[in-house]
Protein backbone atom coordinates (compact mmCIF):
# COMPACT_ATOMS: atom_id res chain seq x y z
CA MET A 1 -12.88 0.30 -1.80
CA SER A 2 -15.79 -2.13 -0.89
CA LYS A 3 -18.44 -0.38 1.36
CA SER A 4 -19.39 -3.83 3.01
CA ASN A 5 -17.46 -6.41 5.54
CA ASP A 6 -15.43 -8.44 2.46
CA PHE A 7 -12.04 -6.89 3.35
CA ALA A 8 -8.97 -7.37 5.23
CA THR A 9 -6.81 -4.86 6.66
CA ALA A 10 -3.43 -4.54 8.75
CA SER A 11 -1.59 -1.11 9.71
CA MET A 12 1.94 -0.44 11.55
CA ALA A 13 4.36 2.42 12.00
CA ILE A 14 7.55 1.98 10.51
CA ARG A 15 10.68 4.17 12.02
CA ARG A 16 12.02 5.36 8.48
CA PRO A 17 10.96 8.05 5.45
CA VAL A 18 7.79 7.87 3.94
CA GLU A 19 10.09 7.57 0.72
CA GLU A 20 12.09 4.84 1.85
CA VAL A 21 8.80 2.79 3.28
CA PHE A 22 7.32 3.01 -0.49
CA LYS A 23 10.18 2.06 -2.34
CA ALA A 24 9.85 -1.17 -0.23
CA PHE A 25 7.23 -2.03 -1.64
CA THR A 26 7.76 -0.90 -5.23
CA ASP A 27 11.87 -2.34 -5.56
CA PRO A 28 11.29 -6.11 -5.98
CA GLU A 29 14.97 -6.23 -4.46
CA ILE A 30 14.05 -4.75 -1.45
CA THR A 31 10.78 -6.37 -0.88
CA THR A 32 12.03 -10.13 -1.48
CA ASN A 33 13.77 -9.36 1.85
CA PHE A 34 10.66 -9.65 3.86
CA TRP A 35 7.57 -10.96 1.28
CA TYR A 36 7.62 -12.87 -2.15
CA SER A 37 11.11 -14.35 -3.69
CA SER A 38 10.39 -12.53 -6.38
CA SER A 39 9.00 -10.85 -9.01
CA ASP A 40 9.08 -9.68 -13.26
CA GLY A 41 9.26 -6.26 -12.22
CA PHE A 42 8.48 -2.87 -9.84
CA ILE A 43 5.63 -1.97 -9.56
CA LYS A 44 4.45 1.00 -11.50
CA GLU A 45 1.29 2.40 -12.89
CA GLY A 46 0.12 -0.39 -15.85
CA ALA A 47 2.75 -2.81 -14.97
CA LYS A 48 1.72 -6.88 -14.78
CA LEU A 49 3.80 -8.43 -12.78
CA ASN A 50 3.98 -11.79 -11.37
CA TRP A 51 5.18 -12.63 -7.86
CA LYS A 52 6.41 -16.06 -6.85
CA TRP A 53 6.57 -17.94 -3.79
CA ASP A 54 9.64 -20.25 -4.75
CA LEU A 55 9.12 -22.79 -1.44
CA TYR A 56 5.65 -23.36 -2.18
CA GLY A 57 5.67 -22.80 -6.30
CA PHE A 58 3.14 -20.64 -6.00
CA THR A 59 2.73 -17.79 -8.23
CA ILE A 60 0.35 -14.73 -8.19
CA PRO A 61 -0.57 -12.25 -11.44
CA VAL A 62 -0.48 -8.78 -10.25
CA LYS A 63 -1.79 -6.13 -12.25
CA VAL A 64 -1.00 -2.43 -11.03
CA LEU A 65 -3.92 -0.24 -11.06
CA ASP A 66 -2.80 3.13 -9.03
CA VAL A 67 0.47 4.70 -7.90
CA LYS A 68 0.95 7.75 -5.86
CA PRO A 69 4.54 8.26 -5.28
CA ASN A 70 4.68 8.12 -1.43
CA ARG A 71 1.29 7.91 -0.36
CA LYS A 72 -0.84 5.07 -2.06
CA ILE A 73 -0.48 1.71 -4.14
CA VAL A 74 -3.49 -0.25 -5.80
CA ILE A 75 -3.24 -3.38 -7.09
CA GLU A 76 -5.44 -6.30 -8.38
CA TRP A 77 -3.90 -9.69 -7.84
CA GLY A 78 -4.46 -13.20 -8.29
CA GLU A 79 -7.24 -14.61 -11.05
CA GLY A 80 -10.95 -16.48 -11.29
CA LYS A 81 -12.28 -16.67 -7.65
CA TYR A 82 -9.42 -15.45 -5.75
CA LEU A 83 -9.26 -11.89 -8.15
CA SER A 84 -8.82 -9.58 -5.40
CA ASN A 85 -7.45 -5.75 -4.88
CA LEU A 86 -5.03 -4.87 -2.26
CA MET A 87 -4.49 -0.95 -1.08
CA TRP A 88 -1.34 0.29 0.79
CA GLU A 89 -2.09 3.88 1.96
CA PHE A 90 1.39 5.77 3.49
CA LYS A 91 1.27 8.54 6.22
CA GLU A 92 4.01 10.08 6.75
CA LEU A 93 3.71 11.16 10.53
CA ASN A 94 7.27 12.86 10.63
CA ASN A 95 10.55 12.69 8.67
CA GLU A 96 11.30 9.62 10.31
CA ILE A 97 8.23 7.69 10.93
CA THR A 98 5.57 6.41 8.06
CA TYR A 99 2.22 4.75 8.74
CA VAL A 100 1.31 1.68 6.36
CA SER A 101 -2.04 0.62 5.78
CA ILE A 102 -2.54 -2.32 3.80
CA THR A 103 -6.12 -2.99 2.71
CA ASN A 104 -7.58 -6.04 0.68
CA TYR A 105 -10.63 -5.57 -0.52
CA ASN A 106 -13.24 -7.34 -3.27
CA LEU A 107 -12.55 -10.15 -1.48
CA GLN A 108 -15.07 -13.30 -2.95
CA GLY A 109 -16.69 -16.11 -0.77
CA ASP A 110 -19.79 -16.52 1.31
CA GLY A 111 -19.93 -17.53 4.74
CA SER A 112 -17.23 -19.24 6.31
CA ILE A 113 -15.33 -19.49 2.92
CA LEU A 114 -15.24 -15.59 3.17
CA THR A 115 -14.43 -15.26 7.18
CA ASP A 116 -11.47 -17.88 6.07
CA ILE A 117 -9.99 -15.42 3.34
CA ILE A 118 -10.44 -12.43 5.46
CA ARG A 119 -8.85 -14.20 8.59
CA ASP A 120 -6.24 -15.73 6.38
CA SER A 121 -5.42 -12.26 4.26
CA THR A 122 -5.62 -10.27 8.12
CA SER A 123 -2.55 -12.61 9.30
CA GLY A 124 -0.52 -12.60 5.95
CA LEU A 125 -0.57 -8.76 6.17
CA ALA A 126 0.44 -8.35 9.79
CA PHE A 127 3.63 -10.93 8.91
CA VAL A 128 4.19 -8.84 5.82
CA LEU A 129 4.60 -5.77 8.03
CA ALA A 130 6.08 -6.69 10.84
CA GLY A 131 8.64 -8.54 8.28
CA LEU A 132 9.04 -4.89 6.70
CA LYS A 133 9.58 -3.07 10.19
CA ALA A 134 12.38 -5.48 11.02
CA TRP A 135 14.29 -5.14 7.46
CA LEU A 136 13.69 -2.00 7.74
CA GLU A 137 14.50 -0.70 11.09
CA HIS A 138 17.11 -3.45 11.99
CA GLY A 139 18.53 -5.09 8.89
CA VAL A 140 17.03 -8.32 9.87
CA ARG A 141 15.38 -10.67 7.42
CA LEU A 142 12.80 -13.10 9.72
CA ASN A 143 12.06 -15.60 6.75
CA LEU A 144 7.89 -14.98 8.00
CA SER A 145 6.82 -16.22 4.35
CA GLU A 146 9.06 -19.25 4.81
CA ASP A 147 7.70 -20.09 7.96
CA LYS A 148 3.90 -19.30 7.76
CA TYR A 149 3.76 -22.88 6.43
CA PRO A 150 7.19 -24.48 6.46
CA LYS A 151 8.17 -27.87 4.54
CA GLU A 152 8.76 -29.60 7.89
CA LEU A 153 5.08 -28.92 8.81
CA THR A 154 3.59 -30.81 5.04
CA ASP A 155 5.81 -33.48 6.02
CA LEU A 156 4.20 -33.84 9.78
CA LYS A 157 1.29 -33.79 8.06
CA ASN A 158 1.61 -36.23 5.49
CA GLU A 159 2.97 -38.87 8.26
């Protein structure tokens, strides 16, 4: 991971066993309940995937670099000047609580551009963890990705 300040991070305790929390990020059938719309495969070491957010017509390429079951996932995602790394770390606090940290690092840009990227990434990671928590702990789909930039907001900007 980068040793400079070009990273964004968010962490949260999830009141579920580490195996369940880890699987929520590796199995797209679960992940689609709190993050992206679809993936063309499971997170497993060496996989090359595409994650899609249908509402925004947005797809991001993903390359899985490292998977340590129930401990760590590292991916490379994006392309060109938007290429960066994402790392999840899972710490089992007890049989029913897992502490998850997600860090987006090797972010590219200078000055205010990098500051904007870090701010947006931090916000996005916090939303992912909040959505994960609501889904795994309460079975509630918060639609955070959909509501971050709702179509209605886009329509208002165009008036």
